Amino acid sequence: MAKGRDFTRQALLDWGWSGTETSEDALLLVSELLTNAALHAGGCIELALSAGEVLRIEVFDGTTTPPRRHPSPQRALPGGHGLYIVERVSDRWGTHTHEHGKAVWAEIEASRLTSGRSTGL
């Protein structure tokens, strides 16, 4: 997961989208998607980022089983919060299948990445 976050942090810097609260949200999305792939799909095959009008984060794994969001995760207990966080932090998220499994993706509007409050980092 650390390599995925480092890769994403560098991409955000290269694209001029670092140092805002929303760029930290993007790193959180990467962490949650990678963790879900590790816990529920045997691990991540590929992490793909694309930039345009949106930042799109895709985590590819080797299963076709769609992710399930727990209806109401319990705040005091660990686990079950990942997709809830993805839903709350991203502008959109979803899944699609491919010949070797599926990808779970999340998007953040580029305008949020450039106008977010500075983290001071």
Foldseek 3Di string as FASTA:
>chain_A
DVVQLVVLQVVCVVVVLDFFVLSVLVSLLSVLQQVCCVVPAVGFPDWDWDDDQKTKTKTDGQAADFDDQDPDDDPVDDDRCSVVSLVVSFPDWDKDADPRHIITMGIHGVVCSVPGHGPVD
